[in-house]
Amino acid sequence: MTFDHLNKSFNIETMKLEEPEETYTPALFTRVSKKQRQFIIKQGGNRSGRGCSYPWKDPNYEVGDSFWKAVSLKEWEEGTGRPNVPHSNKVGGRLWKTYKAYREDTKQYGYFVERIQ
């Protein structure tokens, strides 16, 4: 059923929707392979950051697996943006460790997060 005859009677043009532009949204974190681990240079210091959504409960992350959270140099120097690891009771007994680090292969500052149990 079309309403072309009514549109013509009332002099109405049908609005055509344009396809939305694709926008690039950077990933919150990236998974680190065992081969890429050699490029992570862990830094000292330990400060907590703001909470975000990370793969704390993801069953694909086994002991020894890790991910990378990139931040700006300013955030890295100030110690902000660090993933906030939840208590192990809230994530099924999994334990995670975060390190302030520099990634040589991508030339990024950020946080290296590893599942340790």
C-alpha atoms as a PDB file:
ATOM      1  CA  MET A   1       0.000   0.000   0.000  1.00  0.00           C
ATOM      2  CA  THR A   2       1.387   3.379  -0.987  1.00  0.00           C
ATOM      3  CA  PHE A   3       0.237   6.884  -0.285  1.00  0.00           C
ATOM      4  CA  ASP A   4       1.672   8.479  -3.413  1.00  0.00           C
ATOM      5  CA  HIS A   5      -1.701   9.885  -4.482  1.00  0.00           C
ATOM      6  CA  LEU A   6      -2.157  11.581  -1.075  1.00  0.00           C
ATOM      7  CA  ASN A   7       1.405  12.912  -1.104  1.00  0.00           C
ATOM      8  CA  LYS A   8       0.738  14.472  -4.524  1.00  0.00           C
ATOM      9  CA  SER A   9      -2.612  15.899  -3.384  1.00  0.00           C
ATOM     10  CA  PHE A  10      -1.078  17.584  -0.364  1.00  0.00           C
ATOM     11  CA  ASN A  11       2.145  18.419  -2.211  1.00  0.00           C
ATOM     12  CA  ILE A  12       4.272  16.407   0.264  1.00  0.00           C
ATOM     13  CA  GLU A  13       7.687  15.040  -0.586  1.00  0.00           C
ATOM     14  CA  THR A  14       8.737  11.830   1.069  1.00  0.00           C
ATOM     15  CA  MET A  15      11.835  12.253   3.158  1.00  0.00           C
ATOM     16  CA  LYS A  16      14.662   9.901   2.272  1.00  0.00           C
ATOM     17  CA  LEU A  17      16.960   8.871   5.079  1.00  0.00           C
ATOM     18  CA  GLU A  18      20.663   9.087   4.466  1.00  0.00           C
ATOM     19  CA  GLU A  19      22.958   6.359   5.641  1.00  0.00           C
ATOM     20  CA  PRO A  20      24.794   7.454   8.798  1.00  0.00           C
ATOM     21  CA  GLU A  21      28.459   8.278   8.475  1.00  0.00           C
ATOM     22  CA  GLU A  22      30.766   5.696   9.932  1.00  0.00           C
ATOM     23  CA  THR A  23      32.622   7.076  12.896  1.00  0.00           C
ATOM     24  CA  TYR A  24      35.693   5.541  14.430  1.00  0.00           C
ATOM     25  CA  THR A  25      35.512   4.890  18.147  1.00  0.00           C
ATOM     26  CA  PRO A  26      38.781   3.682  19.637  1.00  0.00           C
ATOM     27  CA  ALA A  27      38.630   0.499  21.687  1.00  0.00           C
ATOM     28  CA  LEU A  28      38.610   0.840  25.446  1.00  0.00           C
ATOM     29  CA  PHE A  29      41.279  -1.853  25.642  1.00  0.00           C
ATOM     30  CA  THR A  30      43.019  -4.373  23.383  1.00  0.00           C
ATOM     31  CA  ARG A  31      43.899  -7.971  24.107  1.00  0.00           C
ATOM     32  CA  VAL A  32      47.651  -8.637  24.349  1.00  0.00           C
ATOM     33  CA  SER A  33      48.977 -11.854  22.824  1.00  0.00           C
ATOM     34  CA  LYS A  34      51.772 -13.788  24.452  1.00  0.00           C
ATOM     35  CA  LYS A  35      54.080 -12.659  21.619  1.00  0.00           C
ATOM     36  CA  GLN A  36      53.223  -8.961  22.198  1.00  0.00           C
ATOM     37  CA  ARG A  37      54.030  -9.196  25.922  1.00  0.00           C
ATOM     38  CA  GLN A  38      57.727  -8.781  25.142  1.00  0.00           C
ATOM     39  CA  PHE A  39      57.029  -5.167  24.110  1.00  0.00           C
ATOM     40  CA  ILE A  40      55.451  -4.169  27.444  1.00  0.00           C
ATOM     41  CA  ILE A  41      57.798  -2.238  29.760  1.00  0.00           C
ATOM     42  CA  LYS A  42      56.232  -2.236  33.233  1.00  0.00           C
ATOM     43  CA  GLN A  43      56.684   0.910  35.323  1.00  0.00           C
ATOM     44  CA  GLY A  44      56.625   1.349  39.097  1.00  0.00           C
ATOM     45  CA  GLY A  45      53.926   3.002  41.163  1.00  0.00           C
ATOM     46  CA  ASN A  46      50.455   1.927  42.143  1.00  0.00           C
ATOM     47  CA  ARG A  47      47.415   4.232  41.975  1.00  0.00           C
ATOM     48  CA  SER A  48      43.823   3.316  41.346  1.00  0.00           C
ATOM     49  CA  GLY A  49      41.902   4.827  38.443  1.00  0.00           C
ATOM     50  CA  ARG A  50      38.284   5.352  37.522  1.00  0.00           C
ATOM     51  CA  GLY A  51      36.014   2.369  37.025  1.00  0.00           C
ATOM     52  CA  CYS A  52      35.201   1.106  33.536  1.00  0.00           C
ATOM     53  CA  SER A  53      33.907  -1.988  31.850  1.00  0.00           C
ATOM     54  CA  TYR A  54      36.671  -4.539  31.279  1.00  0.00           C
ATOM     55  CA  PRO A  55      36.756  -8.309  30.675  1.00  0.00           C
ATOM     56  CA  TRP A  56      37.025  -9.202  34.364  1.00  0.00           C
ATOM     57  CA  LYS A  57      34.490 -12.043  34.017  1.00  0.00           C
ATOM     58  CA  ASP A  58      35.132 -12.976  30.369  1.00  0.00           C
ATOM     59  CA  PRO A  59      35.546 -16.792  30.188  1.00  0.00           C
ATOM     60  CA  ASN A  60      37.878 -16.391  27.156  1.00  0.00           C
ATOM     61  CA  TYR A  61      40.533 -14.830  29.421  1.00  0.00           C
ATOM     62  CA  GLU A  62      42.408 -17.622  31.154  1.00  0.00           C
ATOM     63  CA  VAL A  63      45.244 -17.422  33.688  1.00  0.00           C
ATOM     64  CA  GLY A  64      48.203 -15.748  31.969  1.00  0.00           C
ATOM     65  CA  ASP A  65      46.050 -13.838  29.461  1.00  0.00           C
ATOM     66  CA  SER A  66      46.187 -10.061  29.445  1.00  0.00           C
ATOM     67  CA  PHE A  67      44.875  -6.864  27.906  1.00  0.00           C
ATOM     68  CA  TRP A  68      46.189  -3.362  27.257  1.00  0.00           C
ATOM     69  CA  LYS A  69      44.481  -0.079  28.216  1.00  0.00           C
ATOM     70  CA  ALA A  70      46.059   2.825  26.297  1.00  0.00           C
ATOM     71  CA  VAL A  71      46.009   6.314  27.838  1.00  0.00           C
ATOM     72  CA  SER A  72      47.506   9.689  26.949  1.00  0.00           C
ATOM     73  CA  LEU A  73      50.943  10.671  28.227  1.00  0.00           C
ATOM     74  CA  LYS A  74      49.323  13.210  30.585  1.00  0.00           C
ATOM     75  CA  GLU A  75      46.980  10.573  32.053  1.00  0.00           C
ATOM     76  CA  TRP A  76      49.887   8.139  32.331  1.00  0.00           C
ATOM     77  CA  GLU A  77      52.069  10.660  34.198  1.00  0.00           C
ATOM     78  CA  GLU A  78      49.181  11.611  36.520  1.00  0.00           C
ATOM     79  CA  GLY A  79      48.295   7.963  37.128  1.00  0.00           C
ATOM     80  CA  THR A  80      44.694   8.357  35.935  1.00  0.00           C
ATOM     81  CA  GLY A  81      42.730   6.009  33.692  1.00  0.00           C
ATOM     82  CA  ARG A  82      44.071   2.898  35.406  1.00  0.00           C
ATOM     83  CA  PRO A  83      41.658  -0.067  35.238  1.00  0.00           C
ATOM     84  CA  ASN A  84      40.105  -0.589  38.657  1.00  0.00           C
ATOM     85  CA  VAL A  85      40.297  -4.322  39.406  1.00  0.00           C
ATOM     86  CA  PRO A  86      37.222  -5.541  41.310  1.00  0.00           C
ATOM     87  CA  HIS A  87      37.496  -7.814  44.333  1.00  0.00           C
ATOM     88  CA  SER A  88      37.928 -11.478  43.340  1.00  0.00           C
ATOM     89  CA  ASN A  89      34.594 -12.393  45.013  1.00  0.00           C
ATOM     90  CA  LYS A  90      32.789 -10.233  42.433  1.00  0.00           C
ATOM     91  CA  VAL A  91      34.485 -11.823  39.406  1.00  0.00           C
ATOM     92  CA  GLY A  92      34.241 -15.507  40.199  1.00  0.00           C
ATOM     93  CA  GLY A  93      37.524 -15.835  42.106  1.00  0.00           C
ATOM     94  CA  ARG A  94      39.651 -14.417  39.276  1.00  0.00           C
ATOM     95  CA  LEU A  95      42.647 -12.303  40.267  1.00  0.00           C
ATOM     96  CA  TRP A  96      44.066  -9.572  38.037  1.00  0.00           C
ATOM     97  CA  LYS A  97      47.208  -7.429  38.313  1.00  0.00           C
ATOM     98  CA  THR A  98      47.667  -4.030  36.652  1.00  0.00           C
ATOM     99  CA  TYR A  99      50.996  -2.456  35.719  1.00  0.00           C
ATOM    100  CA  LYS A 100      51.764   1.064  34.572  1.00  0.00           C
ATOM    101  CA  ALA A 101      53.630   0.394  31.330  1.00  0.00           C
ATOM    102  CA  TYR A 102      54.936   1.618  27.973  1.00  0.00           C
ATOM    103  CA  ARG A 103      54.289  -0.473  24.878  1.00  0.00           C
ATOM    104  CA  GLU A 104      57.235  -0.382  22.475  1.00  0.00           C
ATOM    105  CA  ASP A 105      55.527  -1.954  19.442  1.00  0.00           C
ATOM    106  CA  THR A 106      52.725   0.643  19.311  1.00  0.00           C
ATOM    107  CA  LYS A 107      54.597   3.477  21.090  1.00  0.00           C
ATOM    108  CA  GLN A 108      51.748   3.859  23.604  1.00  0.00           C
ATOM    109  CA  TYR A 109      51.576   4.664  27.277  1.00  0.00           C
ATOM    110  CA  GLY A 110      49.001   2.769  29.286  1.00  0.00           C
ATOM    111  CA  TYR A 111      48.220  -0.046  31.646  1.00  0.00           C
ATOM    112  CA  PHE A 112      49.052  -3.707  31.156  1.00  0.00           C
ATOM    113  CA  VAL A 113      46.492  -5.935  32.906  1.00  0.00           C
ATOM    114  CA  GLU A 114      47.185  -9.627  33.443  1.00  0.00           C
ATOM    115  CA  ARG A 115      45.018 -12.393  34.865  1.00  0.00           C
ATOM    116  CA  ILE A 116      47.100 -14.116  37.544  1.00  0.00           C
ATOM    117  CA  GLN A 117      44.546 -16.573  38.975  1.00  0.00           C
END
